[in-house]
């Protein structure tokens, strides 16, 4: 009887060790998918650093459904499309991000930039004006508003906004460049 129990026990141990009757480890599939997503994201980052934005975007797209990497991947795809000057695609991805986080200033600034690059300066002006009011402690929307106003040849408004920029952000590195541009208009 003891030898029979020993034989059954030995058989069970052998089966467990040899893989017979494998029982999945709880969470193993999720861990594998997470590791694969991390690898794809790393590959995408490497392509992005090399300036191969098309290839980077294709790898970011592979992890878009990942819980851990989905949001960052959406953002990176949008950024890659900006580098590729694919304004419509970039805009769609940024708008998708804005639905997830309606208060995200960085995404709003990106959408304003895209409008300016599309040549839709009226919309860009409106967006930068709103962002400038919503973010009085940030130089970027105000600086970009001045640039758009100059592009639209709204020189008096540009001068007024520039005065505000200089007053609020005297150390902003773009101030001397914009000042030179405005001084050139006076001559």
N, C-alpha and C. Protein backbone atom coordinates (compact mmCIF):
# COMPACT_ATOMS: atom_id res chain seq x y z
N UNK A 1 0.82 -1.17 0.00
CA UNK A 1 0.00 0.00 0.00
C UNK A 1 0.88 1.26 0.00
N UNK A 2 1.95 1.22 0.84
CA UNK A 2 2.83 2.38 0.91
C UNK A 2 3.52 2.61 -0.43
N UNK A 3 3.89 1.54 -1.10
CA UNK A 3 4.59 1.70 -2.37
C UNK A 3 3.63 2.25 -3.43
N UNK A 4 2.37 1.91 -3.33
CA UNK A 4 1.38 2.41 -4.28
C UNK A 4 1.19 3.92 -4.08
N UNK A 5 1.06 4.37 -2.85
CA UNK A 5 0.91 5.79 -2.55
C UNK A 5 2.17 6.54 -2.98
N UNK A 6 3.32 5.92 -2.70
CA UNK A 6 4.57 6.52 -3.10
C UNK A 6 4.64 6.65 -4.63
N UNK A 7 4.20 5.64 -5.36
CA UNK A 7 4.20 5.66 -6.83
C UNK A 7 3.28 6.74 -7.35
N UNK A 8 2.10 6.86 -6.77
CA UNK A 8 1.15 7.89 -7.21
C UNK A 8 1.72 9.28 -6.93
N UNK A 9 2.29 9.44 -5.76
CA UNK A 9 2.90 10.72 -5.39
C UNK A 9 4.04 11.07 -6.31
N UNK A 10 4.88 10.09 -6.60
CA UNK A 10 6.00 10.31 -7.51
C UNK A 10 5.50 10.67 -8.89
N UNK A 11 4.45 10.02 -9.33
CA UNK A 11 3.87 10.29 -10.65
C UNK A 11 3.32 11.72 -10.70
N UNK A 12 2.65 12.14 -9.64
CA UNK A 12 2.11 13.50 -9.59
C UNK A 12 3.22 14.54 -9.62
N UNK A 13 4.26 14.31 -8.85
CA UNK A 13 5.40 15.23 -8.84
C UNK A 13 6.02 15.28 -10.22
N UNK A 14 6.20 14.13 -10.85
CA UNK A 14 6.78 14.07 -12.18
C UNK A 14 5.92 14.86 -13.17
N UNK A 15 4.60 14.66 -13.11
CA UNK A 15 3.70 15.37 -14.03
C UNK A 15 3.76 16.88 -13.81
N UNK A 16 3.83 17.29 -12.56
CA UNK A 16 3.89 18.71 -12.28
C UNK A 16 5.19 19.32 -12.79
N UNK A 17 6.27 18.61 -12.60
CA UNK A 17 7.57 19.12 -13.03
C UNK A 17 7.77 19.04 -14.53
N UNK A 18 7.15 18.07 -15.17
CA UNK A 18 7.37 17.89 -16.60
C UNK A 18 6.40 18.71 -17.44
N UNK A 19 5.44 19.33 -16.82
CA UNK A 19 4.52 20.17 -17.60
C UNK A 19 3.24 19.47 -17.94
N UNK A 20 3.05 18.24 -17.56
CA UNK A 20 1.79 17.57 -17.82
C UNK A 20 0.71 18.28 -17.00
N UNK A 21 -0.40 18.50 -17.60
CA UNK A 21 -1.48 19.14 -16.88
C UNK A 21 -1.11 20.52 -16.40
N UNK A 22 -0.52 21.31 -17.31
CA UNK A 22 -0.11 22.65 -16.91
C UNK A 22 -1.32 23.49 -16.52
N UNK A 23 -1.18 24.17 -15.45
CA UNK A 23 -2.20 25.07 -14.96
C UNK A 23 -1.64 26.48 -15.12
N UNK A 24 -2.37 27.35 -15.82
CA UNK A 24 -1.84 28.69 -16.01
C UNK A 24 -1.67 29.42 -14.68
N UNK A 25 -0.62 30.15 -14.61
CA UNK A 25 -0.35 30.94 -13.42
C UNK A 25 -1.25 32.18 -13.48
N UNK A 26 -1.96 32.47 -12.40
CA UNK A 26 -2.83 33.63 -12.42
C UNK A 26 -2.05 34.91 -12.75
N UNK A 27 -2.58 35.68 -13.71
CA UNK A 27 -1.95 36.94 -14.09
C UNK A 27 -0.81 36.80 -15.07
N UNK A 28 -0.46 35.56 -15.42
CA UNK A 28 0.68 35.34 -16.31
C UNK A 28 0.45 35.98 -17.69
N UNK A 29 -0.75 35.81 -18.24
CA UNK A 29 -1.04 36.36 -19.56
C UNK A 29 -0.92 37.89 -19.53
N UNK A 30 -1.44 38.51 -18.49
CA UNK A 30 -1.34 39.96 -18.38
C UNK A 30 0.11 40.41 -18.25
N UNK A 31 0.89 39.65 -17.51
CA UNK A 31 2.31 39.99 -17.34
C UNK A 31 3.04 39.89 -18.68
N UNK A 32 2.73 38.86 -19.44
CA UNK A 32 3.37 38.69 -20.75
C UNK A 32 2.98 39.84 -21.67
N UNK A 33 1.68 40.16 -21.71
CA UNK A 33 1.22 41.26 -22.56
C UNK A 33 1.84 42.59 -22.14
N UNK A 34 1.97 42.79 -20.84
CA UNK A 34 2.59 44.01 -20.35
C UNK A 34 4.06 44.09 -20.76
N UNK A 35 4.75 42.96 -20.69
CA UNK A 35 6.16 42.92 -21.10
C UNK A 35 6.31 43.20 -22.59
N UNK A 36 5.42 42.61 -23.38
CA UNK A 36 5.46 42.84 -24.83
C UNK A 36 5.19 44.31 -25.12
N UNK A 37 4.20 44.88 -24.43
CA UNK A 37 3.89 46.30 -24.63
C UNK A 37 5.08 47.18 -24.26
N UNK A 38 5.74 46.84 -23.17
CA UNK A 38 6.91 47.62 -22.75
C UNK A 38 8.01 47.54 -23.81
N UNK A 39 8.19 46.36 -24.39
CA UNK A 39 9.21 46.20 -25.44
C UNK A 39 8.86 47.01 -26.69
N UNK A 40 7.59 46.94 -27.12
CA UNK A 40 7.17 47.73 -28.29
C UNK A 40 7.35 49.23 -28.02
N UNK A 41 6.99 49.65 -26.82
CA UNK A 41 7.13 51.06 -26.47
C UNK A 41 8.60 51.47 -26.51
N UNK A 42 9.48 50.62 -26.00
CA UNK A 42 10.92 50.90 -26.03
C UNK A 42 11.45 50.98 -27.46
N UNK A 43 10.97 50.09 -28.30
CA UNK A 43 11.39 50.12 -29.71
C UNK A 43 10.92 51.41 -30.36
N UNK A 44 9.68 51.80 -30.06
CA UNK A 44 9.14 53.05 -30.61
C UNK A 44 9.98 54.24 -30.15
N UNK A 45 10.34 54.25 -28.89
CA UNK A 45 11.17 55.34 -28.35
C UNK A 45 12.51 55.41 -29.09
N UNK A 46 13.09 54.26 -29.35
CA UNK A 46 14.38 54.24 -30.05
C UNK A 46 14.23 54.80 -31.47
N UNK A 47 13.18 54.39 -32.17
CA UNK A 47 12.95 54.93 -33.51
C UNK A 47 12.71 56.44 -33.46
N UNK A 48 11.99 56.89 -32.44
CA UNK A 48 11.71 58.33 -32.31
C UNK A 48 13.02 59.09 -32.10
N UNK A 49 13.92 58.57 -31.26
CA UNK A 49 15.21 59.22 -31.02
C UNK A 49 16.04 59.29 -32.30
N UNK A 50 15.87 58.29 -33.17
CA UNK A 50 16.60 58.26 -34.44
C UNK A 50 15.96 59.18 -35.49
N UNK A 51 14.79 59.72 -35.15
CA UNK A 51 14.09 60.59 -36.10
C UNK A 51 13.25 59.83 -37.11
N UNK A 52 13.07 58.54 -36.90
CA UNK A 52 12.23 57.75 -37.79
C UNK A 52 10.81 57.73 -37.20
N UNK A 53 10.10 58.84 -37.40
CA UNK A 53 8.80 59.03 -36.74
C UNK A 53 7.72 58.11 -37.29
N UNK A 54 7.82 57.78 -38.54
CA UNK A 54 6.83 56.87 -39.13
C UNK A 54 6.93 55.48 -38.49
N UNK A 55 8.13 54.97 -38.38
CA UNK A 55 8.35 53.67 -37.76
C UNK A 55 8.00 53.72 -36.27
N UNK A 56 8.36 54.81 -35.61
CA UNK A 56 8.05 54.97 -34.19
C UNK A 56 6.54 54.92 -33.99
N UNK A 57 5.80 55.66 -34.81
CA UNK A 57 4.34 55.69 -34.68
C UNK A 57 3.75 54.29 -34.86
N UNK A 58 4.32 53.51 -35.77
CA UNK A 58 3.78 52.16 -36.01
C UNK A 58 3.97 51.27 -34.78
N UNK A 59 5.06 51.46 -34.06
CA UNK A 59 5.27 50.67 -32.83
C UNK A 59 4.43 51.20 -31.67
N UNK A 60 4.27 52.51 -31.59
CA UNK A 60 3.38 53.06 -30.55
C UNK A 60 1.95 52.54 -30.75
N UNK A 61 1.53 52.42 -32.01
CA UNK A 61 0.18 51.93 -32.30
C UNK A 61 -0.04 50.51 -31.80
N UNK A 62 1.01 49.74 -31.70
CA UNK A 62 0.88 48.36 -31.23
C UNK A 62 0.52 48.28 -29.75
N UNK A 63 0.75 49.36 -29.01
CA UNK A 63 0.46 49.33 -27.56
C UNK A 63 -0.68 50.26 -27.17
N UNK A 64 -1.40 50.75 -28.15
CA UNK A 64 -2.45 51.72 -27.88
C UNK A 64 -3.54 51.17 -26.97
N UNK A 65 -3.77 49.85 -27.00
CA UNK A 65 -4.79 49.24 -26.15
C UNK A 65 -4.25 48.79 -24.80
N UNK A 66 -2.97 48.98 -24.59
CA UNK A 66 -2.35 48.59 -23.33
C UNK A 66 -2.80 49.53 -22.21
N UNK A 67 -3.11 48.94 -21.07
CA UNK A 67 -3.54 49.74 -19.94
C UNK A 67 -2.43 50.68 -19.47
N UNK A 68 -1.23 50.17 -19.42
CA UNK A 68 -0.10 50.95 -18.91
C UNK A 68 0.46 51.93 -19.94
N UNK A 69 0.41 51.57 -21.22
CA UNK A 69 1.09 52.37 -22.23
C UNK A 69 0.16 53.07 -23.21
N UNK A 70 -1.14 52.82 -23.12
CA UNK A 70 -2.10 53.37 -24.09
C UNK A 70 -2.10 54.89 -24.16
N UNK A 71 -2.22 55.54 -23.01
CA UNK A 71 -2.24 57.01 -22.99
C UNK A 71 -0.95 57.62 -23.49
N UNK A 72 0.19 57.20 -22.94
CA UNK A 72 1.46 57.73 -23.46
C UNK A 72 1.67 57.43 -24.95
N UNK A 73 1.22 56.27 -25.39
CA UNK A 73 1.37 55.92 -26.81
C UNK A 73 0.54 56.86 -27.68
N UNK A 74 -0.68 57.18 -27.27
CA UNK A 74 -1.51 58.13 -28.02
C UNK A 74 -0.79 59.47 -28.17
N UNK A 75 -0.23 59.94 -27.07
CA UNK A 75 0.49 61.22 -27.10
C UNK A 75 1.68 61.14 -28.05
N UNK A 76 2.45 60.08 -27.94
CA UNK A 76 3.64 59.94 -28.78
C UNK A 76 3.29 59.80 -30.26
N UNK A 77 2.19 59.12 -30.57
CA UNK A 77 1.74 59.02 -31.96
C UNK A 77 1.40 60.41 -32.49
N UNK A 78 0.72 61.20 -31.66
CA UNK A 78 0.38 62.56 -32.06
C UNK A 78 1.64 63.37 -32.33
N UNK A 79 2.62 63.27 -31.44
CA UNK A 79 3.88 64.00 -31.60
C UNK A 79 4.60 63.55 -32.87
N UNK A 80 4.63 62.25 -33.11
CA UNK A 80 5.27 61.74 -34.34
C UNK A 80 4.59 62.32 -35.57
N UNK A 81 3.27 62.40 -35.55
CA UNK A 81 2.55 62.95 -36.69
C UNK A 81 2.80 64.45 -36.86
N UNK A 82 3.06 65.15 -35.77
CA UNK A 82 3.45 66.56 -35.89
C UNK A 82 4.80 66.64 -36.61
N UNK A 83 5.76 65.81 -36.21
CA UNK A 83 7.07 65.80 -36.87
C UNK A 83 6.94 65.44 -38.35
N UNK A 84 5.98 64.59 -38.66
CA UNK A 84 5.76 64.19 -40.05
C UNK A 84 4.90 65.19 -40.82
N UNK A 85 4.46 66.24 -40.11
CA UNK A 85 3.57 67.26 -40.69
C UNK A 85 2.26 66.66 -41.19
N UNK A 86 1.83 65.61 -40.51
CA UNK A 86 0.54 64.98 -40.77
C UNK A 86 -0.47 65.63 -39.82
N UNK A 87 -0.86 66.86 -40.15
CA UNK A 87 -1.64 67.68 -39.23
C UNK A 87 -2.98 67.05 -38.87
N UNK A 88 -3.68 66.47 -39.85
CA UNK A 88 -4.99 65.88 -39.56
C UNK A 88 -4.87 64.71 -38.59
N UNK A 89 -3.90 63.84 -38.83
CA UNK A 89 -3.69 62.70 -37.93
C UNK A 89 -3.30 63.18 -36.54
N UNK A 90 -2.37 64.10 -36.49
CA UNK A 90 -1.91 64.61 -35.20
C UNK A 90 -3.08 65.22 -34.44
N UNK A 91 -3.88 65.99 -35.13
CA UNK A 91 -5.02 66.63 -34.50
C UNK A 91 -6.00 65.60 -33.93
N UNK A 92 -6.27 64.55 -34.69
CA UNK A 92 -7.18 63.50 -34.20
C UNK A 92 -6.67 62.86 -32.92
N UNK A 93 -5.38 62.57 -32.87
CA UNK A 93 -4.82 61.94 -31.67
C UNK A 93 -4.84 62.91 -30.48
N UNK A 94 -4.51 64.18 -30.72
CA UNK A 94 -4.55 65.15 -29.63
C UNK A 94 -5.98 65.36 -29.14
N UNK A 95 -6.94 65.39 -30.07
CA UNK A 95 -8.33 65.54 -29.67
C UNK A 95 -8.79 64.34 -28.84
N UNK A 96 -8.33 63.16 -29.21
CA UNK A 96 -8.64 61.96 -28.43
C UNK A 96 -8.07 62.08 -27.01
N UNK A 97 -6.87 62.61 -26.91
CA UNK A 97 -6.26 62.82 -25.59
C UNK A 97 -7.03 63.87 -24.79
N UNK A 98 -7.51 64.89 -25.48
CA UNK A 98 -8.24 65.95 -24.80
C UNK A 98 -9.57 65.43 -24.25
N UNK A 99 -10.16 64.44 -24.92
CA UNK A 99 -11.38 63.82 -24.39
C UNK A 99 -11.10 63.11 -23.07
N UNK A 100 -9.91 62.52 -22.97
CA UNK A 100 -9.51 61.83 -21.74
C UNK A 100 -9.17 62.81 -20.62
N UNK A 101 -8.61 63.97 -21.00
CA UNK A 101 -8.15 64.95 -20.02
C UNK A 101 -8.44 66.35 -20.55
N UNK A 102 -9.67 66.83 -20.38
CA UNK A 102 -10.09 68.11 -20.97
C UNK A 102 -9.32 69.33 -20.48
N UNK A 103 -8.61 69.23 -19.38
CA UNK A 103 -7.88 70.38 -18.83
C UNK A 103 -6.40 70.36 -19.19
N UNK A 104 -5.97 69.44 -20.03
CA UNK A 104 -4.55 69.28 -20.33
C UNK A 104 -4.06 70.43 -21.22
N UNK A 105 -3.33 71.34 -20.62
CA UNK A 105 -2.84 72.52 -21.33
C UNK A 105 -1.87 72.17 -22.44
N UNK A 106 -1.02 71.19 -22.21
CA UNK A 106 -0.05 70.78 -23.23
C UNK A 106 -0.75 70.31 -24.50
N UNK A 107 -1.80 69.55 -24.34
CA UNK A 107 -2.56 69.06 -25.49
C UNK A 107 -3.25 70.23 -26.19
N UNK A 108 -3.81 71.14 -25.42
CA UNK A 108 -4.47 72.31 -26.02
C UNK A 108 -3.47 73.17 -26.79
N UNK A 109 -2.28 73.35 -26.23
CA UNK A 109 -1.23 74.10 -26.92
C UNK A 109 -0.84 73.41 -28.23
N UNK A 110 -0.78 72.10 -28.19
CA UNK A 110 -0.44 71.34 -29.39
C UNK A 110 -1.50 71.52 -30.47
N UNK A 111 -2.76 71.51 -30.07
CA UNK A 111 -3.84 71.72 -31.05
C UNK A 111 -3.79 73.13 -31.64
N UNK A 112 -3.46 74.13 -30.81
CA UNK A 112 -3.32 75.49 -31.32
C UNK A 112 -2.15 75.57 -32.31
N UNK A 113 -1.05 74.91 -31.97
CA UNK A 113 0.12 74.89 -32.86
C UNK A 113 -0.25 74.26 -34.21
N UNK A 114 -0.99 73.16 -34.15
CA UNK A 114 -1.40 72.49 -35.39
C UNK A 114 -2.25 73.43 -36.25
N UNK A 115 -3.17 74.15 -35.62
CA UNK A 115 -3.99 75.10 -36.39
C UNK A 115 -3.12 76.16 -37.05
N UNK A 116 -2.12 76.64 -36.33
CA UNK A 116 -1.21 77.63 -36.91
C UNK A 116 -0.45 77.04 -38.09
N UNK A 117 0.01 75.80 -37.94
CA UNK A 117 0.75 75.15 -39.02
C UNK A 117 -0.12 74.86 -40.23
N UNK A 118 -1.38 74.61 -39.99
CA UNK A 118 -2.33 74.41 -41.09
C UNK A 118 -2.62 75.71 -41.84
N UNK A 119 -2.23 76.83 -41.23
CA UNK A 119 -2.53 78.12 -41.82
C UNK A 119 -3.85 78.69 -41.35
N UNK A 120 -4.47 78.04 -40.39
CA UNK A 120 -5.73 78.52 -39.84
C UNK A 120 -5.40 79.46 -38.68
N UNK A 121 -4.88 80.64 -39.03
CA UNK A 121 -4.36 81.57 -38.03
C UNK A 121 -5.46 82.18 -37.17
N UNK A 122 -6.65 82.33 -37.72
CA UNK A 122 -7.76 82.87 -36.92
C UNK A 122 -8.10 81.93 -35.78
N UNK A 123 -8.17 80.63 -36.08
CA UNK A 123 -8.45 79.63 -35.04
C UNK A 123 -7.29 79.53 -34.06
N UNK A 124 -6.07 79.57 -34.57
CA UNK A 124 -4.89 79.52 -33.70
C UNK A 124 -4.89 80.72 -32.75
N UNK A 125 -5.21 81.90 -33.28
CA UNK A 125 -5.27 83.09 -32.44
C UNK A 125 -6.29 82.92 -31.33
N UNK A 126 -7.45 82.43 -31.69
CA UNK A 126 -8.51 82.22 -30.69
C UNK A 126 -8.07 81.24 -29.61
N UNK A 127 -7.46 80.14 -30.01
CA UNK A 127 -7.00 79.14 -29.05
C UNK A 127 -5.91 79.69 -28.15
N UNK A 128 -4.93 80.38 -28.74
CA UNK A 128 -3.84 80.95 -27.93
C UNK A 128 -4.36 82.04 -26.99
N UNK A 129 -5.33 82.81 -27.45
CA UNK A 129 -5.90 83.86 -26.60
C UNK A 129 -6.58 83.23 -25.37
N UNK A 130 -7.35 82.18 -25.62
CA UNK A 130 -8.02 81.47 -24.52
C UNK A 130 -7.00 80.85 -23.58
N UNK A 131 -6.01 80.18 -24.14
CA UNK A 131 -4.98 79.54 -23.31
C UNK A 131 -4.18 80.57 -22.51
N UNK A 132 -3.95 81.71 -23.09
CA UNK A 132 -3.23 82.77 -22.41
C UNK A 132 -4.01 83.25 -21.19
N UNK A 133 -5.32 83.36 -21.33
CA UNK A 133 -6.17 83.77 -20.19
C UNK A 133 -6.26 82.67 -19.14
N UNK A 134 -6.35 81.42 -19.59
CA UNK A 134 -6.48 80.29 -18.67
C UNK A 134 -5.17 79.99 -17.93
N UNK A 135 -4.04 80.41 -18.52
CA UNK A 135 -2.72 80.08 -17.95
C UNK A 135 -1.87 81.34 -17.84
N UNK A 136 -2.26 82.26 -16.96
CA UNK A 136 -1.53 83.53 -16.88
C UNK A 136 -0.09 83.38 -16.38
N UNK A 137 0.25 82.23 -15.82
CA UNK A 137 1.61 82.02 -15.33
C UNK A 137 2.51 81.31 -16.34
N UNK A 138 2.00 81.13 -17.55
CA UNK A 138 2.77 80.45 -18.59
C UNK A 138 3.05 81.41 -19.74
N UNK A 139 4.30 81.50 -20.12
CA UNK A 139 4.70 82.40 -21.22
C UNK A 139 4.32 81.85 -22.58
N UNK A 140 4.29 80.54 -22.72
CA UNK A 140 4.14 79.94 -24.05
C UNK A 140 2.89 80.38 -24.81
N UNK A 141 1.70 80.32 -24.20
CA UNK A 141 0.53 80.74 -24.99
C UNK A 141 0.57 82.21 -25.38
N UNK A 142 1.08 83.05 -24.49
CA UNK A 142 1.16 84.47 -24.79
C UNK A 142 2.19 84.75 -25.88
N UNK A 143 3.32 84.10 -25.79
CA UNK A 143 4.37 84.24 -26.82
C UNK A 143 3.82 83.81 -28.18
N UNK A 144 3.15 82.67 -28.21
CA UNK A 144 2.61 82.16 -29.47
C UNK A 144 1.49 83.05 -29.99
N UNK A 145 0.72 83.64 -29.09
CA UNK A 145 -0.32 84.59 -29.51
C UNK A 145 0.32 85.77 -30.22
N UNK A 146 1.41 86.30 -29.66
CA UNK A 146 2.10 87.43 -30.29
C UNK A 146 2.57 87.03 -31.69
N UNK A 147 3.13 85.86 -31.82
CA UNK A 147 3.64 85.41 -33.13
C UNK A 147 2.51 85.27 -34.14
N UNK A 148 1.38 84.72 -33.70
CA UNK A 148 0.23 84.58 -34.60
C UNK A 148 -0.31 85.96 -34.98
N UNK A 149 -0.39 86.86 -34.01
CA UNK A 149 -0.87 88.22 -34.31
C UNK A 149 0.04 88.91 -35.33
N UNK A 150 1.34 88.71 -35.19
CA UNK A 150 2.28 89.28 -36.17
C UNK A 150 2.04 88.67 -37.55
N UNK A 151 1.81 87.36 -37.58
CA UNK A 151 1.56 86.68 -38.86
C UNK A 151 0.27 87.18 -39.51
N UNK A 152 -0.69 87.55 -38.68
CA UNK A 152 -1.97 88.06 -39.20
C UNK A 152 -1.90 89.57 -39.46
N UNK A 153 -0.74 90.16 -39.26
CA UNK A 153 -0.52 91.59 -39.46
C UNK A 153 -1.40 92.44 -38.55
N UNK A 154 -1.68 91.92 -37.37
CA UNK A 154 -2.41 92.66 -36.34
C UNK A 154 -1.35 93.27 -35.41
N UNK A 155 -0.65 94.26 -35.93
CA UNK A 155 0.53 94.76 -35.28
C UNK A 155 0.24 95.44 -33.93
N UNK A 156 -0.81 96.22 -33.85
CA UNK A 156 -1.11 96.89 -32.58
C UNK A 156 -1.46 95.89 -31.49
N UNK A 157 -2.26 94.89 -31.83
CA UNK A 157 -2.60 93.84 -30.86
C UNK A 157 -1.35 93.05 -30.47
N UNK A 158 -0.48 92.82 -31.45
CA UNK A 158 0.76 92.10 -31.19
C UNK A 158 1.63 92.90 -30.21
N UNK A 159 1.71 94.21 -30.42
CA UNK A 159 2.50 95.07 -29.53
C UNK A 159 1.93 95.05 -28.12
N UNK A 160 0.60 95.13 -28.01
CA UNK A 160 -0.03 95.10 -26.69
C UNK A 160 0.23 93.77 -25.98
N UNK A 161 0.07 92.69 -26.70
CA UNK A 161 0.31 91.36 -26.12
C UNK A 161 1.78 91.18 -25.78
N UNK A 162 2.65 91.73 -26.62
CA UNK A 162 4.09 91.64 -26.35
C UNK A 162 4.46 92.41 -25.09
N UNK A 163 3.85 93.57 -24.90
CA UNK A 163 4.10 94.36 -23.67
C UNK A 163 3.73 93.54 -22.44
N UNK A 164 2.62 92.85 -22.53
CA UNK A 164 2.19 91.98 -21.43
C UNK A 164 3.19 90.83 -21.23
N UNK A 165 3.67 90.28 -22.33
CA UNK A 165 4.66 89.19 -22.26
C UNK A 165 5.93 89.68 -21.55
N UNK A 166 6.42 90.86 -21.96
CA UNK A 166 7.64 91.41 -21.35
C UNK A 166 7.44 91.71 -19.87
N UNK A 167 6.26 92.21 -19.54
CA UNK A 167 5.97 92.56 -18.15
C UNK A 167 5.90 91.31 -17.27
N UNK A 168 5.20 90.31 -17.74
CA UNK A 168 5.01 89.08 -16.95
C UNK A 168 6.24 88.18 -16.94
N UNK A 169 6.93 88.15 -18.09
CA UNK A 169 8.03 87.19 -18.27
C UNK A 169 9.25 87.88 -18.85
N UNK A 170 9.88 88.76 -18.10
CA UNK A 170 11.02 89.52 -18.63
C UNK A 170 12.21 88.64 -19.02
N UNK A 171 12.30 87.45 -18.43
CA UNK A 171 13.43 86.57 -18.74
C UNK A 171 13.12 85.57 -19.86
N UNK A 172 11.95 85.66 -20.45
CA UNK A 172 11.57 84.75 -21.55
C UNK A 172 12.56 84.94 -22.69
N UNK A 173 13.15 83.85 -23.15
CA UNK A 173 14.22 83.94 -24.15
C UNK A 173 13.75 84.47 -25.50
N UNK A 174 12.46 84.39 -25.80
CA UNK A 174 11.97 84.88 -27.09
C UNK A 174 11.75 86.39 -27.11
N UNK A 175 11.79 87.04 -25.95
CA UNK A 175 11.51 88.48 -25.88
C UNK A 175 12.44 89.30 -26.79
N UNK A 176 13.77 89.10 -26.76
CA UNK A 176 14.62 89.91 -27.65
C UNK A 176 14.35 89.67 -29.14
N UNK A 177 14.04 88.43 -29.48
CA UNK A 177 13.77 88.12 -30.89
C UNK A 177 12.49 88.80 -31.35
N UNK A 178 11.46 88.72 -30.53
CA UNK A 178 10.18 89.36 -30.89
C UNK A 178 10.35 90.88 -30.88
N UNK A 179 11.11 91.39 -29.91
CA UNK A 179 11.36 92.84 -29.85
C UNK A 179 12.00 93.32 -31.15
N UNK A 180 12.98 92.56 -31.63
CA UNK A 180 13.66 92.91 -32.88
C UNK A 180 12.67 92.90 -34.04
N UNK A 181 11.80 91.94 -34.07
CA UNK A 181 10.77 91.86 -35.12
C UNK A 181 9.86 93.07 -35.06
N UNK A 182 9.42 93.43 -33.86
CA UNK A 182 8.54 94.59 -33.71
C UNK A 182 9.27 95.88 -34.05
N UNK A 183 10.54 95.98 -33.67
CA UNK A 183 11.33 97.17 -34.01
C UNK A 183 11.48 97.32 -35.52
N UNK A 184 11.58 96.19 -36.21
CA UNK A 184 11.69 96.21 -37.66
C UNK A 184 10.42 96.72 -38.33
N UNK A 185 9.31 96.59 -37.65
CA UNK A 185 8.04 97.09 -38.21
C UNK A 185 7.98 98.60 -38.14
N UNK A 186 8.66 99.19 -37.16
CA UNK A 186 8.62 100.63 -36.95
C UNK A 186 9.45 101.37 -37.98
N UNK A 187 10.37 100.70 -38.61
CA UNK A 187 11.28 101.37 -39.55
C UNK A 187 10.74 101.45 -40.93
